[in-house]
Amino acid sequence: MSTNKGYTVVSDPDTSAKALAKERPVSPKFAREVAAMVRGMKVSDAQAALEGVINKETPVRLGRYNKRVSHKAGVGPGRYPVKASKAILDTINSAASNADYKGLDSANMAITTITVARGQVFPGHKPRAQGRATEWNQDTVNIEVVISEVE
């Protein structure tokens, strides 16, 4: 029996903490770009950067999904994906509080793994379209964050 419980990476439980957010109603494309922005950052720096995106002060560079996107100063093609930033910030805060609960110093930790995967389409409900013109299809995202102590 696996003790990984849905995580994609195995980490040392003595020096790391992790959090998993399932089926968040967020755009997978924006979530991917926001995750790329904070990957490898210290937890405090990532929290500050995501707060800047939520306040529409710091743009997120769009690397892949950037057709017809206006450029932002110093970033290139970018936008302010507020909903995706809030979801990822909640997950990072959850991992940081898990680290505090384990007795680790969350201020001295960095994001070693952040993974975004598509979830189910509108989970927990049967499909609506039985002769209807529109479907109730909404993209969802599974977000996984692992933070580890840095030297």
N, C-alpha and C. Protein backbone atom coordinates (compact mmCIF):
# COMPACT_ATOMS: atom_id res chain seq x y z
N MET A 1 0.84 -1.19 0.00
CA MET A 1 0.00 0.00 0.00
C MET A 1 0.88 1.24 0.00
N SER A 2 0.58 2.16 -0.87
CA SER A 2 1.38 3.37 -1.01
C SER A 2 1.01 4.38 0.07
N THR A 3 2.02 5.05 0.61
CA THR A 3 1.78 6.09 1.61
C THR A 3 1.90 7.48 1.01
N ASN A 4 1.94 7.58 -0.31
CA ASN A 4 2.13 8.87 -0.97
C ASN A 4 0.83 9.67 -1.06
N LYS A 5 -0.32 9.02 -1.02
CA LYS A 5 -1.64 9.64 -0.94
C LYS A 5 -1.89 10.71 -2.01
N GLY A 6 -1.63 10.39 -3.26
CA GLY A 6 -1.98 11.29 -4.34
C GLY A 6 -0.92 12.26 -4.76
N TYR A 7 0.23 12.28 -4.10
CA TYR A 7 1.31 13.19 -4.49
C TYR A 7 2.14 12.57 -5.59
N THR A 8 2.72 13.43 -6.44
CA THR A 8 3.50 12.92 -7.55
C THR A 8 4.97 12.76 -7.20
N VAL A 9 5.40 13.29 -6.07
CA VAL A 9 6.81 13.25 -5.72
C VAL A 9 6.94 12.73 -4.28
N VAL A 10 8.01 11.99 -4.02
CA VAL A 10 8.30 11.52 -2.69
C VAL A 10 9.38 12.42 -2.10
N SER A 11 9.13 12.96 -0.91
CA SER A 11 10.08 13.88 -0.29
C SER A 11 10.40 13.43 1.13
N ASP A 12 11.48 13.98 1.67
CA ASP A 12 11.90 13.64 3.02
C ASP A 12 10.95 14.30 4.02
N PRO A 13 10.22 13.54 4.83
CA PRO A 13 9.26 14.16 5.75
C PRO A 13 9.90 14.96 6.88
N ASP A 14 11.20 14.76 7.13
CA ASP A 14 11.86 15.49 8.22
C ASP A 14 12.25 16.91 7.82
N THR A 15 12.42 17.16 6.53
CA THR A 15 12.87 18.49 6.10
C THR A 15 11.92 19.17 5.12
N SER A 16 10.76 18.57 4.88
CA SER A 16 9.85 19.15 3.90
C SER A 16 8.40 19.05 4.37
N ALA A 17 7.56 19.85 3.74
CA ALA A 17 6.12 19.82 3.98
C ALA A 17 5.43 19.94 2.64
N LYS A 18 4.20 19.44 2.57
CA LYS A 18 3.50 19.48 1.30
C LYS A 18 2.02 19.75 1.50
N ALA A 19 1.39 20.18 0.42
CA ALA A 19 -0.04 20.45 0.43
C ALA A 19 -0.60 20.11 -0.95
N LEU A 20 -1.86 19.69 -0.98
CA LEU A 20 -2.51 19.28 -2.21
C LEU A 20 -3.90 19.90 -2.24
N ALA A 21 -4.20 20.63 -3.31
CA ALA A 21 -5.53 21.22 -3.50
C ALA A 21 -6.15 20.54 -4.71
N LYS A 22 -7.30 19.91 -4.50
CA LYS A 22 -7.92 19.14 -5.59
C LYS A 22 -9.16 19.85 -6.10
N GLU A 23 -9.35 19.77 -7.41
CA GLU A 23 -10.56 20.22 -8.09
C GLU A 23 -10.87 21.68 -7.83
N ARG A 24 -9.86 22.54 -7.94
CA ARG A 24 -10.09 23.97 -7.79
C ARG A 24 -10.59 24.53 -9.11
N PRO A 25 -11.64 25.33 -9.13
CA PRO A 25 -12.21 25.84 -10.39
C PRO A 25 -11.39 27.00 -10.95
N VAL A 26 -10.26 26.66 -11.55
CA VAL A 26 -9.29 27.64 -12.05
C VAL A 26 -8.90 27.24 -13.46
N SER A 27 -8.53 28.20 -14.28
CA SER A 27 -8.05 27.93 -15.62
C SER A 27 -6.72 27.16 -15.56
N PRO A 28 -6.64 25.99 -16.18
CA PRO A 28 -5.39 25.24 -16.15
C PRO A 28 -4.23 25.97 -16.83
N LYS A 29 -4.54 26.73 -17.85
CA LYS A 29 -3.48 27.44 -18.56
C LYS A 29 -2.87 28.54 -17.68
N PHE A 30 -3.71 29.32 -17.03
CA PHE A 30 -3.19 30.36 -16.14
C PHE A 30 -2.49 29.76 -14.93
N ALA A 31 -3.03 28.66 -14.41
CA ALA A 31 -2.41 28.02 -13.25
C ALA A 31 -1.01 27.53 -13.59
N ARG A 32 -0.83 27.02 -14.80
CA ARG A 32 0.49 26.57 -15.24
C ARG A 32 1.49 27.71 -15.26
N GLU A 33 1.08 28.87 -15.77
CA GLU A 33 1.98 30.02 -15.88
C GLU A 33 2.31 30.60 -14.50
N VAL A 34 1.33 30.64 -13.60
CA VAL A 34 1.59 31.16 -12.25
C VAL A 34 2.53 30.22 -11.50
N ALA A 35 2.33 28.91 -11.67
CA ALA A 35 3.22 27.94 -11.02
C ALA A 35 4.65 28.08 -11.52
N ALA A 36 4.80 28.33 -12.81
CA ALA A 36 6.15 28.52 -13.37
C ALA A 36 6.80 29.77 -12.79
N MET A 37 5.99 30.79 -12.48
CA MET A 37 6.55 32.03 -11.93
C MET A 37 7.12 31.81 -10.52
N VAL A 38 6.44 31.02 -9.69
CA VAL A 38 6.87 30.89 -8.29
C VAL A 38 7.75 29.67 -8.04
N ARG A 39 7.94 28.81 -9.03
CA ARG A 39 8.74 27.60 -8.84
C ARG A 39 10.17 27.97 -8.44
N GLY A 40 10.67 27.38 -7.35
CA GLY A 40 12.04 27.62 -6.89
C GLY A 40 12.19 28.80 -5.96
N MET A 41 11.16 29.61 -5.78
CA MET A 41 11.24 30.78 -4.90
C MET A 41 11.18 30.36 -3.43
N LYS A 42 11.68 31.23 -2.56
CA LYS A 42 11.44 31.05 -1.13
C LYS A 42 9.96 31.31 -0.88
N VAL A 43 9.45 30.73 0.17
CA VAL A 43 8.01 30.81 0.46
C VAL A 43 7.57 32.25 0.65
N SER A 44 8.34 33.04 1.38
CA SER A 44 7.96 34.44 1.63
C SER A 44 7.99 35.25 0.34
N ASP A 45 8.98 34.99 -0.52
CA ASP A 45 9.05 35.71 -1.80
C ASP A 45 7.88 35.33 -2.71
N ALA A 46 7.51 34.04 -2.71
CA ALA A 46 6.39 33.59 -3.53
C ALA A 46 5.09 34.20 -3.04
N GLN A 47 4.90 34.27 -1.73
CA GLN A 47 3.69 34.87 -1.18
C GLN A 47 3.61 36.35 -1.56
N ALA A 48 4.73 37.06 -1.48
CA ALA A 48 4.74 38.48 -1.85
C ALA A 48 4.46 38.66 -3.33
N ALA A 49 5.03 37.80 -4.18
CA ALA A 49 4.82 37.91 -5.62
C ALA A 49 3.36 37.64 -5.97
N LEU A 50 2.76 36.64 -5.34
CA LEU A 50 1.36 36.33 -5.64
C LEU A 50 0.42 37.41 -5.12
N GLU A 51 0.75 38.02 -3.99
CA GLU A 51 -0.04 39.16 -3.51
C GLU A 51 0.03 40.31 -4.51
N GLY A 52 1.21 40.51 -5.12
CA GLY A 52 1.34 41.54 -6.15
C GLY A 52 0.50 41.25 -7.37
N VAL A 53 0.39 39.98 -7.76
CA VAL A 53 -0.45 39.62 -8.90
C VAL A 53 -1.92 39.83 -8.55
N ILE A 54 -2.31 39.46 -7.34
CA ILE A 54 -3.71 39.62 -6.92
C ILE A 54 -4.09 41.10 -6.88
N ASN A 55 -3.15 41.95 -6.47
CA ASN A 55 -3.40 43.40 -6.44
C ASN A 55 -3.16 44.07 -7.79
N LYS A 56 -2.85 43.27 -8.81
CA LYS A 56 -2.59 43.73 -10.18
C LYS A 56 -1.44 44.73 -10.25
N GLU A 57 -0.38 44.42 -9.49
CA GLU A 57 0.84 45.23 -9.52
C GLU A 57 1.96 44.50 -10.25
N THR A 58 2.00 43.18 -10.13
CA THR A 58 3.04 42.36 -10.75
C THR A 58 2.41 41.47 -11.82
N PRO A 59 2.79 41.63 -13.09
CA PRO A 59 2.21 40.74 -14.11
C PRO A 59 2.90 39.38 -14.13
N VAL A 60 2.16 38.39 -14.60
CA VAL A 60 2.70 37.04 -14.79
C VAL A 60 3.06 36.90 -16.25
N ARG A 61 4.30 36.50 -16.52
CA ARG A 61 4.75 36.29 -17.89
C ARG A 61 4.06 35.05 -18.46
N LEU A 62 3.46 35.20 -19.63
CA LEU A 62 2.82 34.07 -20.28
C LEU A 62 3.80 33.49 -21.30
N GLY A 63 4.31 32.31 -21.02
CA GLY A 63 5.31 31.72 -21.88
C GLY A 63 4.72 30.94 -23.04
N ARG A 64 3.65 30.19 -22.79
CA ARG A 64 3.11 29.33 -23.83
C ARG A 64 1.81 29.89 -24.41
N TYR A 65 0.91 30.31 -23.56
CA TYR A 65 -0.43 30.73 -24.01
C TYR A 65 -0.46 32.25 -24.13
N ASN A 66 0.22 32.78 -25.14
CA ASN A 66 0.41 34.22 -25.22
C ASN A 66 0.02 34.82 -26.57
N LYS A 67 -0.86 34.19 -27.31
CA LYS A 67 -1.29 34.77 -28.58
C LYS A 67 -2.17 35.99 -28.31
N ARG A 68 -1.88 37.07 -29.01
CA ARG A 68 -2.64 38.31 -28.92
C ARG A 68 -2.72 38.84 -27.48
N VAL A 69 -1.62 38.73 -26.74
CA VAL A 69 -1.56 39.23 -25.37
C VAL A 69 -0.63 40.43 -25.36
N SER A 70 -1.10 41.54 -24.79
CA SER A 70 -0.29 42.76 -24.77
C SER A 70 0.90 42.58 -23.83
N HIS A 71 1.98 43.30 -24.14
CA HIS A 71 3.20 43.22 -23.35
C HIS A 71 3.09 44.10 -22.13
N LYS A 72 3.70 43.65 -21.05
CA LYS A 72 3.79 44.42 -19.81
C LYS A 72 5.26 44.80 -19.62
N ALA A 73 5.51 45.91 -18.96
CA ALA A 73 6.86 46.44 -18.80
C ALA A 73 7.75 45.45 -18.06
N GLY A 74 8.87 45.10 -18.67
CA GLY A 74 9.86 44.22 -18.07
C GLY A 74 9.50 42.75 -18.07
N VAL A 75 8.36 42.37 -18.63
CA VAL A 75 7.91 40.98 -18.57
C VAL A 75 7.73 40.41 -19.96
N GLY A 76 7.22 41.22 -20.88
CA GLY A 76 6.83 40.71 -22.19
C GLY A 76 5.35 40.42 -22.16
N PRO A 77 4.91 39.42 -22.91
CA PRO A 77 3.47 39.12 -22.89
C PRO A 77 3.06 38.63 -21.51
N GLY A 78 2.10 39.33 -20.90
CA GLY A 78 1.71 38.97 -19.55
C GLY A 78 0.32 39.42 -19.20
N ARG A 79 -0.21 38.83 -18.14
CA ARG A 79 -1.54 39.18 -17.62
C ARG A 79 -1.52 39.10 -16.10
N TYR A 80 -2.68 39.34 -15.50
CA TYR A 80 -2.85 39.30 -14.06
C TYR A 80 -3.89 38.22 -13.71
N PRO A 81 -3.53 36.94 -13.70
CA PRO A 81 -4.50 35.88 -13.40
C PRO A 81 -4.79 35.81 -11.90
N VAL A 82 -5.77 36.58 -11.45
CA VAL A 82 -6.07 36.72 -10.04
C VAL A 82 -6.59 35.42 -9.44
N LYS A 83 -7.51 34.76 -10.11
CA LYS A 83 -8.13 33.55 -9.57
C LYS A 83 -7.11 32.43 -9.39
N ALA A 84 -6.26 32.24 -10.40
CA ALA A 84 -5.22 31.20 -10.30
C ALA A 84 -4.21 31.55 -9.22
N SER A 85 -3.88 32.83 -9.09
CA SER A 85 -2.92 33.25 -8.06
C SER A 85 -3.47 33.02 -6.66
N LYS A 86 -4.77 33.29 -6.46
CA LYS A 86 -5.37 33.04 -5.15
C LYS A 86 -5.35 31.55 -4.81
N ALA A 87 -5.66 30.70 -5.78
CA ALA A 87 -5.68 29.26 -5.53
C ALA A 87 -4.28 28.74 -5.18
N ILE A 88 -3.27 29.20 -5.91
CA ILE A 88 -1.90 28.75 -5.64
C ILE A 88 -1.39 29.34 -4.33
N LEU A 89 -1.75 30.58 -4.02
CA LEU A 89 -1.35 31.18 -2.75
C LEU A 89 -1.97 30.42 -1.58
N ASP A 90 -3.22 30.01 -1.69
CA ASP A 90 -3.86 29.22 -0.63
C ASP A 90 -3.11 27.91 -0.42
N THR A 91 -2.69 27.28 -1.50
CA THR A 91 -1.99 26.00 -1.38
C THR A 91 -0.60 26.20 -0.76
N ILE A 92 0.09 27.27 -1.14
CA ILE A 92 1.41 27.56 -0.55
C ILE A 92 1.26 27.86 0.94
N ASN A 93 0.23 28.63 1.30
CA ASN A 93 -0.01 28.94 2.71
C ASN A 93 -0.32 27.67 3.49
N SER A 94 -1.04 26.74 2.88
CA SER A 94 -1.35 25.47 3.53
C SER A 94 -0.08 24.65 3.76
N ALA A 95 0.80 24.63 2.77
CA ALA A 95 2.07 23.90 2.93
C ALA A 95 2.93 24.56 4.02
N ALA A 96 2.91 25.90 4.08
CA ALA A 96 3.68 26.61 5.10
C ALA A 96 3.13 26.33 6.50
N SER A 97 1.82 26.28 6.65
CA SER A 97 1.26 25.98 7.97
C SER A 97 1.48 24.51 8.33
N ASN A 98 1.51 23.62 7.33
CA ASN A 98 1.88 22.23 7.60
C ASN A 98 3.31 22.14 8.10
N ALA A 99 4.20 22.96 7.53
CA ALA A 99 5.60 22.97 7.98
C ALA A 99 5.69 23.50 9.41
N ASP A 100 4.94 24.56 9.72
CA ASP A 100 4.94 25.09 11.08
C ASP A 100 4.42 24.05 12.07
N TYR A 101 3.39 23.31 11.68
CA TYR A 101 2.83 22.27 12.55
C TYR A 101 3.85 21.17 12.83
N LYS A 102 4.68 20.85 11.81
CA LYS A 102 5.69 19.82 11.98
C LYS A 102 6.91 20.33 12.75
N GLY A 103 6.95 21.63 13.07
CA GLY A 103 8.07 22.19 13.81
C GLY A 103 9.19 22.69 12.92
N LEU A 104 8.95 22.80 11.63
CA LEU A 104 9.95 23.32 10.70
C LEU A 104 9.83 24.83 10.60
N ASP A 105 10.88 25.47 10.14
CA ASP A 105 10.89 26.93 9.98
C ASP A 105 10.42 27.26 8.56
N SER A 106 9.15 27.64 8.42
CA SER A 106 8.60 27.88 7.09
C SER A 106 9.20 29.12 6.43
N ALA A 107 9.78 30.04 7.21
CA ALA A 107 10.39 31.23 6.63
C ALA A 107 11.68 30.88 5.89
N ASN A 108 12.29 29.75 6.25
CA ASN A 108 13.57 29.34 5.66
C ASN A 108 13.38 28.20 4.67
N MET A 109 12.21 28.13 4.02
CA MET A 109 11.93 27.05 3.10
C MET A 109 11.68 27.60 1.70
N ALA A 110 11.92 26.75 0.70
CA ALA A 110 11.71 27.13 -0.70
C ALA A 110 10.79 26.11 -1.36
N ILE A 111 10.14 26.56 -2.42
CA ILE A 111 9.24 25.69 -3.17
C ILE A 111 10.10 24.80 -4.07
N THR A 112 10.16 23.52 -3.74
CA THR A 112 10.97 22.60 -4.53
C THR A 112 10.15 21.96 -5.64
N THR A 113 8.86 21.72 -5.38
CA THR A 113 7.99 21.13 -6.39
C THR A 113 6.66 21.85 -6.37
N ILE A 114 6.22 22.29 -7.53
CA ILE A 114 4.86 22.80 -7.68
C ILE A 114 4.33 22.22 -8.99
N THR A 115 3.23 21.51 -8.88
CA THR A 115 2.68 20.79 -10.02
C THR A 115 1.23 21.19 -10.20
N VAL A 116 0.86 21.41 -11.46
CA VAL A 116 -0.52 21.73 -11.81
C VAL A 116 -0.98 20.68 -12.81
N ALA A 117 -2.12 20.05 -12.51
CA ALA A 117 -2.68 19.04 -13.41
C ALA A 117 -4.17 19.30 -13.56
N ARG A 118 -4.68 19.00 -14.74
CA ARG A 118 -6.12 19.15 -14.95
C ARG A 118 -6.88 18.17 -14.07
N GLY A 119 -7.99 18.65 -13.50
CA GLY A 119 -8.86 17.80 -12.71
C GLY A 119 -10.02 17.33 -13.55
N GLN A 120 -11.04 16.82 -12.89
CA GLN A 120 -12.24 16.40 -13.58
C GLN A 120 -13.00 17.63 -14.05
N VAL A 121 -13.81 17.46 -15.07
CA VAL A 121 -14.66 18.54 -15.53
C VAL A 121 -15.92 18.53 -14.68
N PHE A 122 -16.11 19.59 -13.90
CA PHE A 122 -17.26 19.76 -13.03
C PHE A 122 -17.49 18.50 -12.20
N PRO A 123 -16.64 18.24 -11.23
CA PRO A 123 -16.68 16.97 -10.51
C PRO A 123 -17.92 16.80 -9.65
N GLY A 124 -18.33 15.56 -9.47
CA GLY A 124 -19.41 15.25 -8.57
C GLY A 124 -20.80 15.43 -9.16
N HIS A 125 -20.88 15.78 -10.42
CA HIS A 125 -22.19 15.99 -11.04
C HIS A 125 -22.27 15.18 -12.33
N LYS A 126 -23.47 14.78 -12.63
CA LYS A 126 -23.68 14.13 -13.91
C LYS A 126 -23.66 15.18 -15.01
N PRO A 127 -23.31 14.80 -16.22
CA PRO A 127 -23.37 15.76 -17.31
C PRO A 127 -24.78 16.30 -17.49
N ARG A 128 -24.93 17.55 -17.83
CA ARG A 128 -26.22 18.20 -17.91
C ARG A 128 -26.86 18.05 -19.27
N ALA A 129 -26.06 17.98 -20.34
CA ALA A 129 -26.61 18.13 -21.68
C ALA A 129 -27.39 16.90 -22.11
N GLN A 130 -28.68 16.91 -21.87
CA GLN A 130 -29.58 15.90 -22.41
C GLN A 130 -30.57 16.64 -23.30
N GLY A 131 -30.08 17.00 -24.46
CA GLY A 131 -30.89 17.80 -25.36
C GLY A 131 -30.79 19.29 -25.09
N ARG A 132 -29.94 19.69 -24.15
CA ARG A 132 -29.80 21.11 -23.83
C ARG A 132 -28.77 21.74 -24.75
N ALA A 133 -28.86 23.05 -24.87
CA ALA A 133 -27.97 23.75 -25.79
C ALA A 133 -26.59 23.95 -25.19
N THR A 134 -26.51 24.08 -23.87
CA THR A 134 -25.22 24.34 -23.23
C THR A 134 -24.92 23.26 -22.21
N GLU A 135 -23.63 23.02 -22.00
CA GLU A 135 -23.18 22.06 -21.01
C GLU A 135 -22.68 22.80 -19.79
N TRP A 136 -22.60 22.11 -18.68
CA TRP A 136 -22.01 22.67 -17.47
C TRP A 136 -20.58 22.15 -17.35
N ASN A 137 -19.75 22.48 -18.26
CA ASN A 137 -18.37 22.03 -18.21
C ASN A 137 -17.51 23.17 -17.69
N GLN A 138 -16.82 22.92 -16.60
CA GLN A 138 -15.91 23.91 -16.04
C GLN A 138 -14.58 23.22 -15.76
N ASP A 139 -13.50 23.84 -16.21
CA ASP A 139 -12.18 23.27 -15.99
C ASP A 139 -11.83 23.35 -14.51
N THR A 140 -11.21 22.31 -14.00
CA THR A 140 -10.71 22.31 -12.63
C THR A 140 -9.24 21.90 -12.65
N VAL A 141 -8.57 22.18 -11.55
CA VAL A 141 -7.13 21.98 -11.47
C VAL A 141 -6.78 21.33 -10.14
N ASN A 142 -5.82 20.41 -10.16
CA ASN A 142 -5.21 19.87 -8.96
C ASN A 142 -3.84 20.51 -8.78
N ILE A 143 -3.60 21.10 -7.63
CA ILE A 143 -2.35 21.83 -7.37
C ILE A 143 -1.61 21.11 -6.25
N GLU A 144 -0.34 20.82 -6.48
CA GLU A 144 0.50 20.15 -5.49
C GLU A 144 1.72 21.03 -5.21
N VAL A 145 1.99 21.29 -3.94
CA VAL A 145 3.14 22.11 -3.55
C VAL A 145 3.95 21.34 -2.51
N VAL A 146 5.26 21.25 -2.73
CA VAL A 146 6.19 20.67 -1.77
C VAL A 146 7.24 21.73 -1.46
N ILE A 147 7.40 22.06 -0.18
CA ILE A 147 8.43 23.02 0.23
C ILE A 147 9.46 22.28 1.08
N SER A 148 10.72 22.67 0.91
CA SER A 148 11.81 22.03 1.63
C SER A 148 12.74 23.09 2.22
N GLU A 149 13.46 22.69 3.24
CA GLU A 149 14.42 23.62 3.86
C GLU A 149 15.60 23.83 2.93
N VAL A 150 16.07 25.07 2.89
CA VAL A 150 17.24 25.41 2.07
C VAL A 150 18.40 25.74 3.00
N GLU A 151 19.59 25.49 2.50
CA GLU A 151 20.78 25.75 3.31
C GLU A 151 21.19 27.20 3.22
